[in-house]
N, C-alpha and C. Protein backbone atom coordinates (compact mmCIF):
# COMPACT_ATOMS: atom_id res chain seq x y z
N MET A 1 57.38 81.17 104.22
CA MET A 1 58.13 81.88 105.25
C MET A 1 59.62 81.55 105.10
N PHE A 2 60.45 82.57 105.23
CA PHE A 2 61.89 82.39 105.14
C PHE A 2 62.50 82.72 106.50
N LEU A 3 63.53 81.95 106.85
CA LEU A 3 64.26 82.25 108.08
C LEU A 3 65.22 83.42 107.89
N PHE A 4 65.67 83.59 106.65
CA PHE A 4 66.65 84.62 106.36
C PHE A 4 66.13 85.54 105.27
N ARG A 5 66.62 86.77 105.30
CA ARG A 5 66.29 87.69 104.21
C ARG A 5 66.94 87.17 102.93
N GLN A 6 66.33 87.48 101.80
CA GLN A 6 66.84 87.03 100.51
C GLN A 6 68.12 87.80 100.17
N VAL A 7 69.16 87.06 99.84
CA VAL A 7 70.47 87.63 99.52
C VAL A 7 70.56 87.90 98.03
N ASP A 8 71.08 89.06 97.69
CA ASP A 8 71.40 89.38 96.30
C ASP A 8 72.82 88.84 96.07
N MET A 9 72.90 87.69 95.40
CA MET A 9 74.18 86.99 95.28
C MET A 9 75.23 87.79 94.51
N LYS A 10 74.84 88.49 93.48
CA LYS A 10 75.80 89.25 92.68
C LYS A 10 76.34 90.44 93.48
N ARG A 11 75.48 91.17 94.16
CA ARG A 11 75.95 92.30 94.96
C ARG A 11 76.76 91.83 96.16
N THR A 12 76.42 90.66 96.72
CA THR A 12 77.22 90.09 97.81
C THR A 12 78.61 89.74 97.28
N GLU A 13 78.66 89.16 96.09
CA GLU A 13 79.96 88.85 95.48
C GLU A 13 80.78 90.14 95.33
N ASP A 14 80.15 91.20 94.87
CA ASP A 14 80.85 92.49 94.72
C ASP A 14 81.39 92.97 96.07
N ASN A 15 80.59 92.81 97.13
CA ASN A 15 81.04 93.23 98.47
C ASN A 15 82.25 92.42 98.92
N VAL A 16 82.23 91.11 98.67
CA VAL A 16 83.34 90.26 99.07
C VAL A 16 84.60 90.62 98.28
N LEU A 17 84.45 90.82 96.98
CA LEU A 17 85.60 91.22 96.16
C LEU A 17 86.18 92.54 96.64
N LYS A 18 85.32 93.49 96.98
CA LYS A 18 85.78 94.78 97.50
C LYS A 18 86.46 94.60 98.86
N PHE A 19 85.91 93.74 99.71
CA PHE A 19 86.53 93.44 101.01
C PHE A 19 87.95 92.94 100.81
N PHE A 20 88.15 91.98 99.89
CA PHE A 20 89.48 91.43 99.68
C PHE A 20 90.42 92.43 99.01
N SER A 21 89.91 93.26 98.12
CA SER A 21 90.80 94.20 97.43
C SER A 21 91.16 95.40 98.32
N ASP A 22 90.30 95.75 99.24
CA ASP A 22 90.54 96.93 100.08
C ASP A 22 90.88 96.55 101.53
N ASP A 23 89.88 96.10 102.26
CA ASP A 23 90.04 95.84 103.70
C ASP A 23 91.07 94.75 104.00
N TYR A 24 91.00 93.64 103.27
CA TYR A 24 91.91 92.52 103.54
C TYR A 24 93.36 92.94 103.31
N ARG A 25 93.61 93.63 102.21
CA ARG A 25 94.99 94.07 101.92
C ARG A 25 95.48 95.04 103.00
N ARG A 26 94.59 95.91 103.45
CA ARG A 26 94.98 96.87 104.50
C ARG A 26 95.24 96.14 105.81
N LEU A 27 94.40 95.17 106.14
CA LEU A 27 94.62 94.38 107.36
C LEU A 27 95.97 93.68 107.31
N CYS A 28 96.30 93.12 106.16
CA CYS A 28 97.59 92.44 106.01
C CYS A 28 98.75 93.42 106.22
N SER A 29 98.62 94.59 105.66
CA SER A 29 99.67 95.61 105.84
C SER A 29 99.78 96.03 107.30
N MET A 30 98.63 96.21 107.93
CA MET A 30 98.64 96.69 109.32
C MET A 30 99.18 95.65 110.28
N THR A 31 98.96 94.39 110.01
CA THR A 31 99.46 93.37 110.93
C THR A 31 100.94 93.12 110.74
N GLY A 32 101.49 93.58 109.64
CA GLY A 32 102.93 93.47 109.42
C GLY A 32 103.70 94.63 110.01
N THR A 33 102.99 95.55 110.67
CA THR A 33 103.61 96.72 111.25
C THR A 33 104.57 96.33 112.36
N ASN A 34 105.72 96.95 112.36
CA ASN A 34 106.69 96.73 113.41
C ASN A 34 106.39 97.64 114.58
N LEU A 35 106.15 97.06 115.72
CA LEU A 35 105.93 97.89 116.91
C LEU A 35 107.28 98.18 117.56
N GLN A 36 107.51 99.44 117.84
CA GLN A 36 108.76 99.82 118.49
C GLN A 36 108.60 99.70 119.99
N SER A 37 109.69 99.30 120.63
CA SER A 37 109.67 99.27 122.08
C SER A 37 109.62 100.70 122.59
N PRO A 38 108.93 100.93 123.70
CA PRO A 38 108.89 102.28 124.23
C PRO A 38 110.29 102.75 124.61
N VAL A 39 110.54 104.03 124.37
CA VAL A 39 111.83 104.62 124.71
C VAL A 39 111.72 105.18 126.13
N LEU A 40 112.64 104.74 126.97
CA LEU A 40 112.64 105.19 128.37
C LEU A 40 113.61 106.36 128.51
N SER A 41 113.23 107.28 129.33
CA SER A 41 114.06 108.46 129.55
C SER A 41 114.06 108.77 131.04
N ALA A 42 115.18 109.32 131.50
CA ALA A 42 115.26 109.72 132.90
C ALA A 42 114.54 111.04 133.14
N THR A 43 114.19 111.72 132.08
CA THR A 43 113.51 113.00 132.19
C THR A 43 112.06 112.76 132.59
N PRO A 44 111.60 113.43 133.63
CA PRO A 44 110.20 113.24 134.00
C PRO A 44 109.27 113.77 132.90
N ALA A 45 108.18 113.11 132.73
CA ALA A 45 107.22 113.53 131.71
C ALA A 45 105.84 113.55 132.32
N ALA A 46 104.99 114.34 131.72
CA ALA A 46 103.60 114.37 132.19
C ALA A 46 102.97 113.02 131.89
N ARG A 47 102.15 112.56 132.79
CA ARG A 47 101.48 111.27 132.57
C ARG A 47 100.35 111.46 131.58
N SER A 48 100.33 110.57 130.65
CA SER A 48 99.28 110.59 129.65
C SER A 48 98.22 109.57 130.05
N VAL A 49 96.98 109.93 129.81
CA VAL A 49 95.89 109.00 130.10
C VAL A 49 95.93 107.84 129.12
N GLN A 50 96.33 108.12 127.88
CA GLN A 50 96.39 107.08 126.86
C GLN A 50 97.83 106.66 126.63
N ASN A 51 98.00 105.40 126.31
CA ASN A 51 99.32 104.87 126.01
C ASN A 51 99.33 104.52 124.52
N PRO A 52 99.99 105.34 123.68
CA PRO A 52 99.95 105.09 122.24
C PRO A 52 100.52 103.74 121.84
N GLN A 53 101.57 103.28 122.51
CA GLN A 53 102.14 101.97 122.19
C GLN A 53 101.16 100.86 122.52
N GLU A 54 100.50 100.99 123.64
CA GLU A 54 99.51 99.99 124.03
C GLU A 54 98.35 99.98 123.03
N ASN A 55 97.91 101.16 122.61
CA ASN A 55 96.83 101.26 121.63
C ASN A 55 97.22 100.61 120.31
N LYS A 56 98.46 100.82 119.87
CA LYS A 56 98.94 100.18 118.64
C LYS A 56 98.94 98.67 118.78
N PHE A 57 99.38 98.19 119.94
CA PHE A 57 99.45 96.76 120.18
C PHE A 57 98.05 96.15 120.21
N ILE A 58 97.12 96.82 120.84
CA ILE A 58 95.74 96.34 120.89
C ILE A 58 95.15 96.29 119.48
N LYS A 59 95.39 97.32 118.68
CA LYS A 59 94.89 97.36 117.30
C LYS A 59 95.50 96.23 116.48
N LEU A 60 96.79 95.97 116.69
CA LEU A 60 97.46 94.88 115.99
C LEU A 60 96.81 93.54 116.33
N ILE A 61 96.54 93.31 117.60
CA ILE A 61 95.90 92.06 118.03
C ILE A 61 94.50 91.94 117.43
N GLU A 62 93.74 93.03 117.46
CA GLU A 62 92.39 93.02 116.88
C GLU A 62 92.45 92.69 115.39
N ASN A 63 93.38 93.30 114.67
CA ASN A 63 93.51 93.04 113.23
C ASN A 63 93.92 91.60 112.96
N ARG A 64 94.80 91.06 113.78
CA ARG A 64 95.19 89.65 113.61
C ARG A 64 94.01 88.73 113.86
N LYS A 65 93.17 89.06 114.81
CA LYS A 65 91.97 88.25 115.07
C LYS A 65 91.02 88.28 113.87
N ILE A 66 90.91 89.42 113.24
CA ILE A 66 90.06 89.52 112.05
C ILE A 66 90.65 88.66 110.93
N LEU A 67 91.97 88.73 110.74
CA LEU A 67 92.60 87.88 109.71
C LEU A 67 92.42 86.40 110.02
N GLU A 68 92.48 86.03 111.29
CA GLU A 68 92.22 84.64 111.67
C GLU A 68 90.79 84.25 111.32
N ALA A 69 89.84 85.16 111.53
CA ALA A 69 88.44 84.89 111.17
C ALA A 69 88.31 84.74 109.65
N VAL A 70 89.05 85.54 108.89
CA VAL A 70 89.05 85.39 107.43
C VAL A 70 89.56 84.01 107.04
N ASN A 71 90.67 83.60 107.63
CA ASN A 71 91.25 82.29 107.31
C ASN A 71 90.31 81.15 107.69
N ARG A 72 89.68 81.23 108.86
CA ARG A 72 88.72 80.20 109.26
C ARG A 72 87.52 80.18 108.31
N SER A 73 87.10 81.34 107.87
CA SER A 73 85.97 81.44 106.94
C SER A 73 86.30 80.78 105.61
N ILE A 74 87.49 81.04 105.11
CA ILE A 74 87.91 80.42 103.85
C ILE A 74 87.98 78.90 104.02
N LYS A 75 88.56 78.44 105.12
CA LYS A 75 88.70 76.99 105.35
C LYS A 75 87.37 76.29 105.52
N SER A 76 86.33 77.02 105.87
CA SER A 76 85.02 76.39 106.04
C SER A 76 84.29 76.23 104.71
N CYS A 77 84.83 76.83 103.65
CA CYS A 77 84.21 76.72 102.31
C CYS A 77 84.64 75.42 101.64
N SER A 78 83.95 75.08 100.56
CA SER A 78 84.30 73.89 99.79
C SER A 78 85.70 74.04 99.20
N HIS A 79 86.26 72.93 98.76
CA HIS A 79 87.61 72.96 98.19
C HIS A 79 87.67 73.91 96.98
N ASP A 80 86.72 73.80 96.07
CA ASP A 80 86.71 74.67 94.90
C ASP A 80 86.62 76.14 95.29
N SER A 81 85.79 76.43 96.27
CA SER A 81 85.66 77.82 96.74
C SER A 81 86.96 78.30 97.39
N GLN A 82 87.62 77.42 98.13
CA GLN A 82 88.91 77.78 98.73
C GLN A 82 89.94 78.13 97.66
N VAL A 83 89.97 77.34 96.59
CA VAL A 83 90.90 77.60 95.49
C VAL A 83 90.61 78.97 94.88
N ILE A 84 89.35 79.24 94.60
CA ILE A 84 88.98 80.52 93.99
C ILE A 84 89.32 81.68 94.92
N LEU A 85 88.99 81.55 96.19
CA LEU A 85 89.23 82.64 97.14
C LEU A 85 90.72 82.89 97.34
N THR A 86 91.50 81.84 97.51
CA THR A 86 92.92 82.04 97.80
C THR A 86 93.75 82.29 96.55
N GLN A 87 93.56 81.48 95.52
CA GLN A 87 94.43 81.58 94.36
C GLN A 87 94.06 82.74 93.43
N ARG A 88 92.77 82.96 93.24
CA ARG A 88 92.36 84.00 92.29
C ARG A 88 92.12 85.34 92.97
N ILE A 89 91.32 85.33 94.03
CA ILE A 89 90.90 86.61 94.62
C ILE A 89 92.00 87.20 95.50
N ILE A 90 92.66 86.39 96.31
CA ILE A 90 93.70 86.93 97.18
C ILE A 90 95.04 87.04 96.46
N LYS A 91 95.49 85.94 95.83
CA LYS A 91 96.80 85.94 95.19
C LYS A 91 96.79 86.49 93.77
N ASN A 92 95.59 86.60 93.18
CA ASN A 92 95.42 87.13 91.83
C ASN A 92 96.17 86.31 90.78
N ASP A 93 96.17 84.98 90.95
CA ASP A 93 96.76 84.11 89.94
C ASP A 93 95.96 84.22 88.65
N GLU A 94 96.59 83.86 87.56
CA GLU A 94 95.94 83.96 86.26
C GLU A 94 94.73 83.04 86.19
N LEU A 95 93.69 83.55 85.58
CA LEU A 95 92.41 82.85 85.53
C LEU A 95 92.53 81.49 84.86
N HIS A 96 93.28 81.39 83.76
CA HIS A 96 93.38 80.10 83.07
C HIS A 96 94.04 79.04 83.95
N LEU A 97 94.95 79.45 84.84
CA LEU A 97 95.57 78.49 85.76
C LEU A 97 94.56 77.98 86.79
N ILE A 98 93.73 78.87 87.29
CA ILE A 98 92.70 78.49 88.26
C ILE A 98 91.69 77.55 87.59
N MET A 99 91.29 77.90 86.37
CA MET A 99 90.33 77.07 85.65
C MET A 99 90.90 75.67 85.40
N ALA A 100 92.17 75.59 85.06
CA ALA A 100 92.81 74.28 84.86
C ALA A 100 92.86 73.50 86.16
N GLN A 101 93.19 74.18 87.25
CA GLN A 101 93.24 73.51 88.56
C GLN A 101 91.87 72.97 88.96
N LEU A 102 90.82 73.68 88.57
CA LEU A 102 89.46 73.26 88.91
C LEU A 102 88.85 72.35 87.83
N SER A 103 89.62 72.09 86.78
CA SER A 103 89.18 71.24 85.66
C SER A 103 87.90 71.76 85.01
N ILE A 104 87.87 73.06 84.77
CA ILE A 104 86.74 73.64 84.05
C ILE A 104 87.27 74.39 82.83
N SER A 105 86.47 74.42 81.78
CA SER A 105 86.91 75.07 80.54
C SER A 105 86.03 76.26 80.16
N SER A 106 84.93 76.42 80.84
CA SER A 106 83.99 77.48 80.51
C SER A 106 84.15 78.66 81.46
N TYR A 107 84.32 79.86 80.88
CA TYR A 107 84.41 81.05 81.71
C TYR A 107 83.11 81.27 82.49
N SER A 108 81.98 80.99 81.87
CA SER A 108 80.71 81.20 82.57
C SER A 108 80.61 80.28 83.78
N THR A 109 81.11 79.05 83.63
CA THR A 109 81.11 78.13 84.78
C THR A 109 82.01 78.68 85.89
N TYR A 110 83.19 79.18 85.51
CA TYR A 110 84.09 79.74 86.52
C TYR A 110 83.41 80.88 87.27
N TYR A 111 82.80 81.81 86.54
CA TYR A 111 82.21 82.98 87.20
C TYR A 111 81.01 82.61 88.06
N LYS A 112 80.29 81.57 87.69
CA LYS A 112 79.22 81.07 88.57
C LYS A 112 79.84 80.50 89.85
N MET A 113 80.94 79.78 89.69
CA MET A 113 81.62 79.22 90.87
C MET A 113 82.20 80.32 91.75
N GLN A 114 82.68 81.40 91.13
CA GLN A 114 83.21 82.52 91.91
C GLN A 114 82.09 83.18 92.72
N THR A 115 80.92 83.33 92.13
CA THR A 115 79.78 83.89 92.85
C THR A 115 79.43 83.01 94.05
N VAL A 116 79.43 81.70 93.85
CA VAL A 116 79.14 80.77 94.94
C VAL A 116 80.21 80.87 96.02
N ALA A 117 81.48 80.94 95.61
CA ALA A 117 82.59 81.04 96.57
C ALA A 117 82.48 82.30 97.41
N CYS A 118 82.21 83.41 96.77
CA CYS A 118 82.10 84.68 97.50
C CYS A 118 80.93 84.67 98.47
N ASN A 119 79.81 84.10 98.06
CA ASN A 119 78.65 84.03 98.94
C ASN A 119 78.89 83.06 100.10
N ALA A 120 79.60 81.96 99.84
CA ALA A 120 79.94 81.03 100.92
C ALA A 120 80.87 81.71 101.92
N PHE A 121 81.82 82.49 101.41
CA PHE A 121 82.71 83.23 102.30
C PHE A 121 81.92 84.22 103.14
N ALA A 122 81.00 84.96 102.52
CA ALA A 122 80.19 85.94 103.26
C ALA A 122 79.40 85.27 104.37
N ASP A 123 78.83 84.09 104.08
CA ASP A 123 78.09 83.34 105.11
C ASP A 123 79.00 82.97 106.27
N ALA A 124 80.16 82.42 105.94
CA ALA A 124 81.09 81.96 106.98
C ALA A 124 81.67 83.13 107.77
N PHE A 125 82.03 84.21 107.08
CA PHE A 125 82.65 85.35 107.75
C PHE A 125 81.67 86.01 108.73
N GLU A 126 80.41 86.02 108.37
CA GLU A 126 79.41 86.60 109.26
C GLU A 126 79.41 85.89 110.61
N VAL A 127 79.60 84.57 110.58
CA VAL A 127 79.61 83.78 111.82
C VAL A 127 80.97 83.86 112.51
N GLN A 128 82.05 83.69 111.74
CA GLN A 128 83.40 83.64 112.32
C GLN A 128 83.82 84.97 112.94
N ALA A 129 83.44 86.08 112.32
CA ALA A 129 83.89 87.39 112.78
C ALA A 129 82.89 88.06 113.71
N GLU A 130 81.75 87.46 113.92
CA GLU A 130 80.68 88.07 114.72
C GLU A 130 81.15 88.56 116.09
N PRO A 131 81.96 87.79 116.83
CA PRO A 131 82.38 88.30 118.14
C PRO A 131 83.31 89.51 118.08
N LEU A 132 83.87 89.79 116.92
CA LEU A 132 84.86 90.86 116.79
C LEU A 132 84.25 92.20 116.40
N PHE A 133 83.01 92.19 115.99
CA PHE A 133 82.38 93.41 115.47
C PHE A 133 81.07 93.69 116.18
N SER A 134 80.66 94.93 116.07
CA SER A 134 79.33 95.31 116.53
C SER A 134 78.58 95.88 115.34
N ASN A 135 77.29 95.97 115.43
CA ASN A 135 76.46 96.59 114.40
C ASN A 135 76.56 95.92 113.03
N ASN A 136 76.73 94.61 112.99
CA ASN A 136 76.76 93.85 111.73
C ASN A 136 77.81 94.34 110.74
N GLU A 137 78.91 94.88 111.22
CA GLU A 137 79.99 95.33 110.34
C GLU A 137 80.63 94.15 109.60
N ASN A 138 80.43 92.95 110.11
CA ASN A 138 81.02 91.76 109.52
C ASN A 138 80.10 91.12 108.47
N ASP A 139 78.94 91.71 108.23
CA ASP A 139 78.00 91.15 107.27
C ASP A 139 78.29 91.72 105.89
N LEU A 140 78.85 90.87 105.02
CA LEU A 140 79.20 91.29 103.67
C LEU A 140 78.06 91.08 102.68
N HIS A 141 76.95 90.55 103.17
CA HIS A 141 75.81 90.29 102.29
C HIS A 141 75.15 91.58 101.83
N ALA A 142 74.61 91.50 100.63
CA ALA A 142 73.71 92.53 100.12
C ALA A 142 72.35 91.84 100.03
N TYR A 143 71.32 92.51 100.50
CA TYR A 143 70.01 91.88 100.55
C TYR A 143 69.08 92.47 99.51
N GLU A 144 68.23 91.60 99.01
CA GLU A 144 67.21 92.06 98.06
C GLU A 144 66.18 92.86 98.82
N LYS A 145 65.63 93.82 98.14
CA LYS A 145 64.59 94.63 98.77
C LYS A 145 63.32 93.78 98.87
N PRO A 146 62.64 93.85 100.00
CA PRO A 146 61.41 93.07 100.15
C PRO A 146 60.36 93.50 99.14
N LYS A 147 59.69 92.51 98.60
CA LYS A 147 58.61 92.80 97.63
C LYS A 147 57.35 93.12 98.38
N VAL A 148 56.73 94.21 98.00
CA VAL A 148 55.53 94.67 98.68
C VAL A 148 54.30 94.08 98.05
């Protein structure tokens, strides 16, 4: 009996890499958005049910909370995984520099460590971001199909 469904580690790694290349970069861009102060006018205007400035501000706060969950998730990983996630996957530093920092000389060892790092991140992010999402949108895992 297993408490958890079996994770496909390689497909989970692919999901995490895609998250960092797409969603994470977009979140970073969106949180750097400059919010303009509302422009006041003496001219009467029709009242709007929605406040676009308030909606932008709420979205900014939500995105910052997601980035904070990403940072907490990375910090909960092992030191080697943190190096791989921040230096290689986020900053895209050269692979040979990362391998030297981790004192490894084998590419196959590095890629095994990257798979472990991505899966550790997926585990942590699922917990850290859980209050921010509904419908398991924060689950970056890919699961193996159950054997019949």
